[in-house]
Protein backbone atom coordinates (compact mmCIF):
# COMPACT_ATOMS: atom_id res chain seq x y z
CA MET A 1 -6.03 9.28 13.43
CA LYS A 2 -7.58 9.11 9.96
CA GLY A 3 -6.63 7.35 6.73
CA LYS A 4 -4.63 10.27 5.39
CA GLU A 5 -2.60 10.43 8.61
CA PHE A 6 -1.87 6.70 8.43
CA GLU A 7 -0.67 7.20 4.85
CA GLU A 8 1.60 10.08 5.93
CA LEU A 9 3.18 7.81 8.57
CA ALA A 10 3.59 5.09 5.94
CA VAL A 11 5.30 7.47 3.49
CA SER A 12 7.67 8.67 6.22
CA TYR A 13 8.45 5.08 7.17
CA LEU A 14 9.09 3.96 3.57
CA THR A 15 11.21 7.02 2.84
CA SER A 16 13.30 6.31 5.94
CA LEU A 17 14.00 2.85 4.48
CA GLY A 18 15.21 4.39 1.21
CA TYR A 19 12.07 3.85 -0.86
CA ARG A 20 11.45 6.44 -3.59
CA ILE A 21 7.77 7.44 -3.66
CA VAL A 22 6.46 7.92 -7.22
CA GLU A 23 2.67 8.06 -6.72
CA ARG A 24 0.18 8.50 -3.90
CA ASN A 25 -3.51 7.67 -4.07
CA TYR A 26 -3.36 6.38 -7.63
CA HIS A 27 -6.96 5.98 -8.82
CA CYS A 28 -8.34 3.78 -11.54
CA GLN A 29 -11.86 2.68 -12.36
CA GLY A 30 -13.13 0.87 -9.28
CA GLY A 31 -9.99 1.06 -7.18
CA GLU A 32 -7.03 2.85 -5.70
CA ILE A 33 -3.43 2.18 -4.72
CA ASP A 34 -2.33 4.10 -1.64
CA ILE A 35 1.39 4.32 -2.41
CA ILE A 36 3.55 3.36 -5.38
CA ALA A 37 7.28 3.42 -4.70
CA TYR A 38 10.59 1.98 -5.76
CA ASP A 39 12.54 -0.23 -3.38
CA GLY A 40 15.78 -0.25 -5.32
CA LYS A 41 14.75 -1.49 -8.79
CA THR A 42 11.54 -3.13 -7.54
CA LEU A 43 8.30 -1.25 -8.13
CA VAL A 44 6.19 -1.69 -4.99
CA PHE A 45 2.43 -1.20 -4.70
CA VAL A 46 1.55 -0.51 -1.07
CA GLU A 47 -1.79 -0.82 0.69
CA VAL A 48 -2.00 1.10 3.98
CA LYS A 49 -4.45 0.13 6.71
CA GLY A 50 -4.57 1.67 10.15
CA GLY A 51 -6.55 1.67 13.32
CA ASN A 52 -6.31 3.12 16.79
CA SER A 53 -8.53 0.60 18.54
CA LYS A 54 -9.77 -2.96 18.24
CA ALA A 55 -13.38 -1.73 17.95
CA PHE A 56 -13.42 -2.41 14.21
CA GLY A 57 -11.09 -5.42 14.30
CA ASP A 58 -7.47 -5.58 13.31
CA PRO A 59 -6.63 -3.30 10.35
CA ALA A 60 -4.89 -6.18 8.55
CA GLU A 61 -8.22 -8.02 8.33
CA ARG A 62 -9.55 -5.26 6.08
CA ILE A 63 -7.19 -6.33 3.28
CA ASP A 64 -9.47 -8.94 1.81
CA LYS A 65 -9.83 -10.66 -1.55
CA ARG A 66 -12.17 -7.95 -2.83
CA LYS A 67 -9.68 -5.21 -1.93
CA LEU A 68 -6.80 -7.10 -3.57
CA THR A 69 -8.86 -7.72 -6.73
CA ARG A 70 -9.53 -3.99 -7.06
CA MET A 71 -5.90 -3.25 -6.38
CA LEU A 72 -4.80 -5.70 -9.10
CA ARG A 73 -7.00 -3.87 -11.60
CA CYS A 74 -5.21 -0.63 -10.78
CA ILE A 75 -1.81 -2.32 -10.90
CA ASP A 76 -2.58 -3.62 -14.41
CA LYS A 77 -3.62 -0.12 -15.49
CA TYR A 78 -0.52 1.46 -13.96
CA LEU A 79 1.82 -1.08 -15.54
CA SER A 80 0.21 -0.54 -18.96
CA LEU A 81 1.35 3.09 -18.68
CA HIS A 82 4.58 2.53 -16.72
CA PRO A 83 6.05 -0.91 -17.50
CA ALA A 84 8.24 -2.53 -14.85
CA GLU A 85 9.97 -5.89 -14.76
CA ASP A 86 10.20 -6.42 -11.02
CA ILE A 87 7.10 -5.66 -8.95
CA ARG A 88 5.83 -6.45 -5.48
CA ILE A 89 2.70 -5.82 -3.42
CA ASP A 90 3.22 -4.81 0.21
CA ALA A 91 0.94 -3.88 3.07
CA LEU A 92 1.68 -1.43 5.87
CA ILE A 93 -0.47 -1.95 8.94
CA VAL A 94 -0.48 0.92 11.42
CA ARG A 95 -1.71 0.12 14.92
CA GLY A 96 -1.31 3.27 16.98
CA GLU A 97 2.45 3.78 17.18
CA GLU A 98 3.29 0.32 15.82
CA MET A 99 4.00 -0.27 12.11
CA GLU A 100 3.92 -3.75 10.55
CA HIS A 101 5.41 -4.06 7.06
CA ILE A 102 4.25 -7.13 5.14
CA LYS A 103 6.39 -7.56 2.03
CA GLY A 104 5.23 -9.58 -0.95
CA ILE A 105 1.56 -10.26 -0.33
CA GLU A 106 0.54 -13.55 -1.96
CA ILE A 107 -2.50 -13.30 -4.21
């Protein structure tokens, strides 16, 4: 499976939970946000990481400080164009058939 396929699984998962997807692969200078969606009235910025084997380590380990810093830059840009009061950053980790949803990543 490749990144795009992991993102498709993530979108299907979030949609099944009632999330409303508003953006996919939102790019800004130096970064990207995989999925932007509403969970009720909360605007959620979602990072998707996946892996089929342990050869490259656990996918969750690839969400590091550098990645989050780049993501924050994009979040600031997005919010300057689309203000929101209630926001959250989530991660979806896809390990084969298993999906782990981490809500409210602390930065």
